[in-house]
Amino acid sequence: TMTTKHTPATPLPYKYLRDEGQFIVDANQQIVAEIPCQGVPKNHGDYIVHSANAYPRNIALLKKIMRIYTNAASGARFAEQFPAADVRALLRELGEDA
């Protein structure tokens, strides 16, 4: 089980400078990564930036789902479609307390 918290060390949102050397920069315009120019499709940078920027929203939603489980009225119905063990496992995989 992975327990390392995977949050960026530099501030989000990230931005992909596709036409300026294929750099990924943070909110302060500091370079955090460079996509190799040889043989790598440019959309790799788009995917990396999209994933990094979506991370905080994904964690917030998963934590909200876990709070629903604590409500007896809605929790039982909700758990039928979204097993708590699956949500906890995903939070742990993302390095969050579950």
Protein backbone atom coordinates (compact mmCIF):
# COMPACT_ATOMS: atom_id res chain seq x y z
CA THR A 1 0.00 0.00 0.00
CA MET A 2 1.38 3.35 -1.03
CA THR A 3 1.31 6.01 1.69
CA THR A 4 3.49 8.72 0.19
CA LYS A 5 1.56 11.94 -0.32
CA HIS A 6 1.83 12.94 -3.97
CA THR A 7 1.34 16.68 -4.05
CA PRO A 8 3.44 18.98 -6.18
CA ALA A 9 6.32 20.74 -4.49
CA THR A 10 5.61 23.76 -6.68
CA PRO A 11 2.34 25.70 -6.91
CA LEU A 12 -0.47 24.68 -9.24
CA PRO A 13 -1.82 25.30 -11.77
CA TYR A 14 0.79 24.04 -14.17
CA LYS A 15 0.93 25.30 -17.73
CA TYR A 16 2.42 23.61 -20.80
CA LEU A 17 4.55 25.90 -22.98
CA ARG A 18 4.28 23.70 -26.05
CA ASP A 19 5.78 26.19 -28.51
CA GLU A 20 8.44 27.60 -26.21
CA GLY A 21 10.71 24.58 -25.79
CA GLN A 22 8.01 22.21 -24.51
CA PHE A 23 8.40 23.25 -20.88
CA ILE A 24 5.92 22.71 -18.06
CA VAL A 25 5.89 25.67 -15.69
CA ASP A 26 4.22 26.19 -12.33
CA ALA A 27 2.02 29.08 -11.20
CA ASN A 28 5.16 31.20 -10.69
CA GLN A 29 6.34 30.49 -14.26
CA GLN A 30 9.22 28.34 -12.95
CA ILE A 31 10.12 25.34 -15.12
CA VAL A 32 9.15 22.08 -13.41
CA ALA A 33 9.65 19.72 -16.37
CA GLU A 34 10.62 19.55 -20.01
CA ILE A 35 9.05 17.19 -22.52
CA PRO A 36 11.76 15.65 -24.74
CA CYS A 37 11.50 17.06 -28.24
CA GLN A 38 12.71 13.96 -30.09
CA GLY A 39 10.11 11.26 -30.72
CA VAL A 40 7.58 12.24 -28.07
CA PRO A 41 4.15 13.49 -29.14
CA LYS A 42 3.46 17.01 -27.94
CA ASN A 43 0.18 15.96 -26.33
CA HIS A 44 2.14 14.21 -23.55
CA GLY A 45 2.67 17.62 -21.98
CA ASP A 46 -1.05 18.36 -22.17
CA TYR A 47 -1.81 15.10 -20.34
CA ILE A 48 0.79 15.73 -17.62
CA VAL A 49 -0.46 19.27 -17.00
CA HIS A 50 -4.11 18.19 -17.02
CA SER A 51 -3.42 15.39 -14.53
CA ALA A 52 -1.42 17.60 -12.18
CA ASN A 53 -4.01 20.37 -12.22
CA ALA A 54 -6.89 17.90 -11.65
CA TYR A 55 -5.21 16.24 -8.66
CA PRO A 56 -6.49 18.62 -5.94
CA ARG A 57 -10.07 18.42 -7.25
CA ASN A 58 -9.90 14.62 -7.37
CA ILE A 59 -8.72 14.44 -3.75
CA ALA A 60 -11.42 16.89 -2.63
CA LEU A 61 -14.14 14.84 -4.33
CA LEU A 62 -12.89 11.55 -2.91
CA LYS A 63 -12.81 13.05 0.59
CA LYS A 64 -16.35 14.38 0.10
CA ILE A 65 -17.44 10.87 -0.92
CA MET A 66 -15.91 9.49 2.27
CA ARG A 67 -17.87 12.04 4.33
CA ILE A 68 -21.10 10.81 2.70
CA TYR A 69 -20.41 7.34 4.07
CA THR A 70 -20.56 8.73 7.61
CA ASN A 71 -24.15 9.87 7.05
CA ALA A 72 -26.27 6.80 7.78
CA ALA A 73 -29.19 7.90 5.61
CA SER A 74 -27.31 8.59 2.40
CA GLY A 75 -24.31 6.38 3.12
CA ALA A 76 -26.10 3.05 2.71
CA ARG A 77 -27.58 3.93 -0.68
CA PHE A 78 -24.34 5.49 -1.85
CA ALA A 79 -22.21 2.53 -0.76
CA GLU A 80 -24.08 0.24 -3.11
CA GLN A 81 -22.60 2.06 -6.11
CA PHE A 82 -19.31 3.24 -4.64
CA PRO A 83 -17.84 0.76 -2.15
CA ALA A 84 -16.00 2.59 0.63
CA ALA A 85 -13.08 0.16 0.39
CA ASP A 86 -12.51 1.19 -3.23
CA VAL A 87 -12.55 4.89 -2.38
CA ARG A 88 -10.23 4.38 0.61
CA ALA A 89 -7.84 2.33 -1.55
CA LEU A 90 -7.69 5.05 -4.18
CA LEU A 91 -7.07 7.74 -1.55
CA ARG A 92 -4.25 5.64 -0.06
CA GLU A 93 -2.76 5.08 -3.52
CA LEU A 94 -2.77 8.86 -3.99
CA GLY A 95 -0.96 9.26 -0.67
CA GLU A 96 -3.91 10.62 1.28
CA ASP A 97 -5.20 9.51 4.66
CA ALA A 98 -8.28 7.39 4.20
